[in-house]
Amino acid sequence: MSTNTLQGGIFIQKSSSLLRRQPGRDELLGLIAAEKGGFGVSTMCRALGIARSSFYDWAARSPEEKDPWAAVREAVLELWESSEGRWGA
């Protein structure tokens, strides 16, 4: 099956996701958390293909469990600031 179609004498090719990164699971769960006031959690989970139990499990975690690299990023930022922005340049 071809992804090319003829439109007005020009072949239009279906775009790939080369430049569009697909959102990760944590990003989708964060979206659900941000929008749960306006939309139902069940509806959003179904539309995004995420199990509702996964959302509630994710929501119950502490921020450190949601982002295990947060402490590392903070330590690197402190080192960079202590070197007056010269470290790593």
N, C-alpha and C. Protein backbone atom coordinates (compact mmCIF):
# COMPACT_ATOMS: atom_id res chain seq x y z
N MET A 1 0.84 -1.18 0.00
CA MET A 1 0.00 0.00 0.00
C MET A 1 0.88 1.24 0.00
N SER A 2 0.64 2.12 -0.92
CA SER A 2 1.46 3.32 -1.07
C SER A 2 0.94 4.46 -0.19
N THR A 3 1.88 5.25 0.33
CA THR A 3 1.48 6.40 1.13
C THR A 3 1.42 7.66 0.28
N ASN A 4 1.70 7.53 -1.03
CA ASN A 4 1.66 8.67 -1.93
C ASN A 4 0.28 8.77 -2.56
N THR A 5 -0.24 9.97 -2.70
CA THR A 5 -1.51 10.18 -3.39
C THR A 5 -1.33 11.28 -4.40
N LEU A 6 -2.08 11.20 -5.48
CA LEU A 6 -2.03 12.21 -6.53
C LEU A 6 -3.08 13.25 -6.22
N GLN A 7 -2.62 14.50 -6.06
CA GLN A 7 -3.55 15.59 -5.77
C GLN A 7 -3.19 16.76 -6.66
N GLY A 8 -4.05 17.09 -7.59
CA GLY A 8 -3.80 18.19 -8.51
C GLY A 8 -2.56 18.00 -9.37
N GLY A 9 -2.28 16.77 -9.77
CA GLY A 9 -1.13 16.49 -10.60
C GLY A 9 0.18 16.39 -9.83
N ILE A 10 0.14 16.54 -8.52
CA ILE A 10 1.34 16.47 -7.69
C ILE A 10 1.18 15.32 -6.71
N PHE A 11 2.23 14.54 -6.58
CA PHE A 11 2.19 13.46 -5.61
C PHE A 11 2.42 14.03 -4.22
N ILE A 12 1.50 13.80 -3.35
CA ILE A 12 1.60 14.24 -1.95
C ILE A 12 2.00 13.02 -1.13
N GLN A 13 3.10 13.14 -0.41
CA GLN A 13 3.58 12.02 0.39
C GLN A 13 3.17 12.22 1.84
N LYS A 14 2.75 11.15 2.47
CA LYS A 14 2.37 11.19 3.87
C LYS A 14 3.60 11.51 4.71
N SER A 15 3.45 12.44 5.65
CA SER A 15 4.59 12.83 6.47
C SER A 15 4.92 11.73 7.48
N SER A 16 6.18 11.70 7.83
CA SER A 16 6.61 10.72 8.83
C SER A 16 6.79 11.44 10.15
N SER A 17 7.10 10.68 11.16
CA SER A 17 7.30 11.28 12.48
C SER A 17 8.77 11.58 12.72
N LEU A 18 9.55 11.74 11.66
CA LEU A 18 10.96 12.02 11.81
C LEU A 18 11.19 13.30 12.60
N LEU A 19 10.44 14.33 12.31
CA LEU A 19 10.59 15.61 13.00
C LEU A 19 9.58 15.79 14.12
N ARG A 20 8.59 14.93 14.19
CA ARG A 20 7.58 15.02 15.25
C ARG A 20 7.79 13.86 16.21
N ARG A 21 8.27 14.16 17.38
CA ARG A 21 8.50 13.12 18.38
C ARG A 21 7.16 12.74 19.02
N GLN A 22 6.94 11.46 19.16
CA GLN A 22 5.73 10.99 19.83
C GLN A 22 5.86 11.22 21.33
N PRO A 23 4.81 11.68 21.99
CA PRO A 23 4.92 11.91 23.43
C PRO A 23 5.11 10.60 24.18
N GLY A 24 5.90 10.67 25.24
CA GLY A 24 6.15 9.50 26.07
C GLY A 24 5.00 9.26 27.03
N ARG A 25 5.07 8.14 27.71
CA ARG A 25 4.01 7.75 28.65
C ARG A 25 3.84 8.77 29.76
N ASP A 26 4.96 9.25 30.33
CA ASP A 26 4.86 10.22 31.41
C ASP A 26 4.29 11.55 30.93
N GLU A 27 4.59 11.92 29.70
CA GLU A 27 4.01 13.15 29.15
C GLU A 27 2.50 13.02 28.98
N LEU A 28 2.06 11.86 28.52
CA LEU A 28 0.62 11.63 28.37
C LEU A 28 -0.07 11.63 29.73
N LEU A 29 0.57 11.00 30.71
CA LEU A 29 -0.02 10.98 32.05
C LEU A 29 -0.07 12.38 32.64
N GLY A 30 0.95 13.19 32.39
CA GLY A 30 0.95 14.58 32.84
C GLY A 30 -0.15 15.38 32.17
N LEU A 31 -0.39 15.12 30.90
CA LEU A 31 -1.47 15.78 30.18
C LEU A 31 -2.82 15.44 30.81
N ILE A 32 -3.02 14.16 31.11
CA ILE A 32 -4.27 13.74 31.75
C ILE A 32 -4.44 14.45 33.09
N ALA A 33 -3.36 14.53 33.87
CA ALA A 33 -3.44 15.19 35.18
C ALA A 33 -3.78 16.67 35.02
N ALA A 34 -3.19 17.32 34.01
CA ALA A 34 -3.43 18.75 33.80
C ALA A 34 -4.84 19.04 33.32
N GLU A 35 -5.42 18.12 32.56
CA GLU A 35 -6.72 18.36 31.94
C GLU A 35 -7.88 17.66 32.64
N LYS A 36 -7.63 17.00 33.77
CA LYS A 36 -8.70 16.21 34.39
C LYS A 36 -9.83 17.07 34.95
N GLY A 37 -9.61 18.36 35.14
CA GLY A 37 -10.69 19.24 35.58
C GLY A 37 -11.71 19.50 34.49
N GLY A 38 -11.28 19.45 33.23
CA GLY A 38 -12.19 19.74 32.12
C GLY A 38 -12.70 18.52 31.39
N PHE A 39 -12.01 17.40 31.53
CA PHE A 39 -12.40 16.18 30.84
C PHE A 39 -12.35 15.02 31.81
N GLY A 40 -13.11 14.00 31.54
CA GLY A 40 -13.11 12.81 32.39
C GLY A 40 -11.82 12.01 32.22
N VAL A 41 -11.30 11.52 33.33
CA VAL A 41 -10.06 10.72 33.29
C VAL A 41 -10.26 9.48 32.43
N SER A 42 -11.39 8.81 32.59
CA SER A 42 -11.65 7.60 31.80
C SER A 42 -11.66 7.89 30.31
N THR A 43 -12.29 8.99 29.92
CA THR A 43 -12.37 9.35 28.51
C THR A 43 -10.98 9.66 27.95
N MET A 44 -10.18 10.43 28.68
CA MET A 44 -8.84 10.77 28.20
C MET A 44 -7.96 9.54 28.12
N CYS A 45 -8.04 8.67 29.13
CA CYS A 45 -7.23 7.45 29.12
C CYS A 45 -7.58 6.58 27.92
N ARG A 46 -8.86 6.45 27.64
CA ARG A 46 -9.30 5.65 26.51
C ARG A 46 -8.80 6.26 25.19
N ALA A 47 -8.91 7.59 25.06
CA ALA A 47 -8.50 8.27 23.83
C ALA A 47 -6.99 8.19 23.62
N LEU A 48 -6.22 8.21 24.70
CA LEU A 48 -4.76 8.20 24.59
C LEU A 48 -4.16 6.80 24.68
N GLY A 49 -5.01 5.80 24.91
CA GLY A 49 -4.53 4.42 24.97
C GLY A 49 -3.74 4.10 26.23
N ILE A 50 -4.13 4.71 27.33
CA ILE A 50 -3.46 4.50 28.63
C ILE A 50 -4.48 3.85 29.57
N ALA A 51 -4.05 2.85 30.30
CA ALA A 51 -4.93 2.21 31.27
C ALA A 51 -5.22 3.20 32.41
N ARG A 52 -6.47 3.27 32.81
CA ARG A 52 -6.86 4.18 33.89
C ARG A 52 -6.10 3.87 35.17
N SER A 53 -5.86 2.61 35.45
CA SER A 53 -5.11 2.24 36.66
C SER A 53 -3.68 2.76 36.59
N SER A 54 -3.11 2.83 35.37
CA SER A 54 -1.76 3.39 35.21
C SER A 54 -1.74 4.86 35.59
N PHE A 55 -2.79 5.58 35.21
CA PHE A 55 -2.84 7.01 35.56
C PHE A 55 -2.91 7.17 37.08
N TYR A 56 -3.77 6.42 37.73
CA TYR A 56 -3.91 6.58 39.18
C TYR A 56 -2.65 6.11 39.92
N ASP A 57 -1.99 5.10 39.40
CA ASP A 57 -0.72 4.66 39.97
C ASP A 57 0.34 5.75 39.84
N TRP A 58 0.41 6.37 38.66
CA TRP A 58 1.36 7.46 38.40
C TRP A 58 1.05 8.67 39.28
N ALA A 59 -0.23 9.00 39.43
CA ALA A 59 -0.62 10.18 40.21
C ALA A 59 -0.30 10.00 41.70
N ALA A 60 -0.27 8.75 42.17
CA ALA A 60 0.00 8.50 43.59
C ALA A 60 1.49 8.55 43.92
N ARG A 61 2.34 8.54 42.91
CA ARG A 61 3.79 8.55 43.14
C ARG A 61 4.25 9.93 43.57
N SER A 62 5.38 9.94 44.27
CA SER A 62 5.99 11.22 44.65
C SER A 62 6.69 11.82 43.44
N PRO A 63 6.97 13.13 43.47
CA PRO A 63 7.66 13.74 42.33
C PRO A 63 9.01 13.09 42.03
N GLU A 64 9.72 12.62 43.07
CA GLU A 64 11.01 11.96 42.85
C GLU A 64 10.84 10.65 42.08
N GLU A 65 9.76 9.94 42.35
CA GLU A 65 9.51 8.69 41.64
C GLU A 65 9.10 8.96 40.19
N LYS A 66 8.40 10.08 39.95
CA LYS A 66 7.97 10.40 38.59
C LYS A 66 9.15 10.82 37.73
N ASP A 67 10.14 11.50 38.33
CA ASP A 67 11.30 11.98 37.58
C ASP A 67 12.57 11.63 38.34
N PRO A 68 13.13 10.44 38.11
CA PRO A 68 14.31 10.02 38.87
C PRO A 68 15.56 10.85 38.57
N TRP A 69 15.58 11.59 37.48
CA TRP A 69 16.75 12.40 37.11
C TRP A 69 16.68 13.81 37.68
N ALA A 70 15.62 14.17 38.38
CA ALA A 70 15.48 15.54 38.89
C ALA A 70 16.62 15.91 39.84
N ALA A 71 17.01 15.01 40.73
CA ALA A 71 18.09 15.30 41.68
C ALA A 71 19.42 15.48 40.96
N VAL A 72 19.66 14.70 39.92
CA VAL A 72 20.90 14.81 39.16
C VAL A 72 20.95 16.16 38.44
N ARG A 73 19.83 16.54 37.80
CA ARG A 73 19.78 17.83 37.12
C ARG A 73 20.01 18.98 38.09
N GLU A 74 19.43 18.88 39.26
CA GLU A 74 19.59 19.93 40.27
C GLU A 74 21.05 20.02 40.73
N ALA A 75 21.72 18.89 40.93
CA ALA A 75 23.12 18.88 41.35
C ALA A 75 24.02 19.48 40.27
N VAL A 76 23.76 19.15 39.02
CA VAL A 76 24.54 19.69 37.92
C VAL A 76 24.32 21.20 37.81
N LEU A 77 23.10 21.64 37.99
CA LEU A 77 22.80 23.07 37.95
C LEU A 77 23.53 23.82 39.07
N GLU A 78 23.56 23.23 40.26
CA GLU A 78 24.28 23.85 41.38
C GLU A 78 25.78 23.95 41.08
N LEU A 79 26.36 22.90 40.51
CA LEU A 79 27.78 22.94 40.13
C LEU A 79 28.04 24.02 39.09
N TRP A 80 27.17 24.12 38.12
CA TRP A 80 27.33 25.10 37.06
C TRP A 80 27.23 26.52 37.63
N GLU A 81 26.25 26.73 38.52
CA GLU A 81 26.10 28.06 39.12
C GLU A 81 27.27 28.40 40.01
N SER A 82 27.83 27.42 40.75
CA SER A 82 28.96 27.68 41.62
C SER A 82 30.23 28.01 40.84
N SER A 83 30.29 27.56 39.58
CA SER A 83 31.45 27.88 38.74
C SER A 83 31.20 29.15 37.92
N GLU A 84 30.15 29.86 38.28
CA GLU A 84 29.75 31.10 37.59
C GLU A 84 29.52 30.88 36.10
N GLY A 85 28.98 29.73 35.79
CA GLY A 85 28.60 29.42 34.41
C GLY A 85 29.75 29.00 33.52
N ARG A 86 30.92 28.75 34.09
CA ARG A 86 32.07 28.36 33.27
C ARG A 86 32.21 26.85 33.14
N TRP A 87 31.69 26.10 34.08
CA TRP A 87 31.86 24.64 34.07
C TRP A 87 31.09 24.06 32.88
N GLY A 88 31.75 23.24 32.11
CA GLY A 88 31.11 22.59 30.99
C GLY A 88 31.18 23.40 29.70
N ALA A 89 31.77 24.59 29.76
CA ALA A 89 31.83 25.43 28.56
C ALA A 89 33.01 25.06 27.68
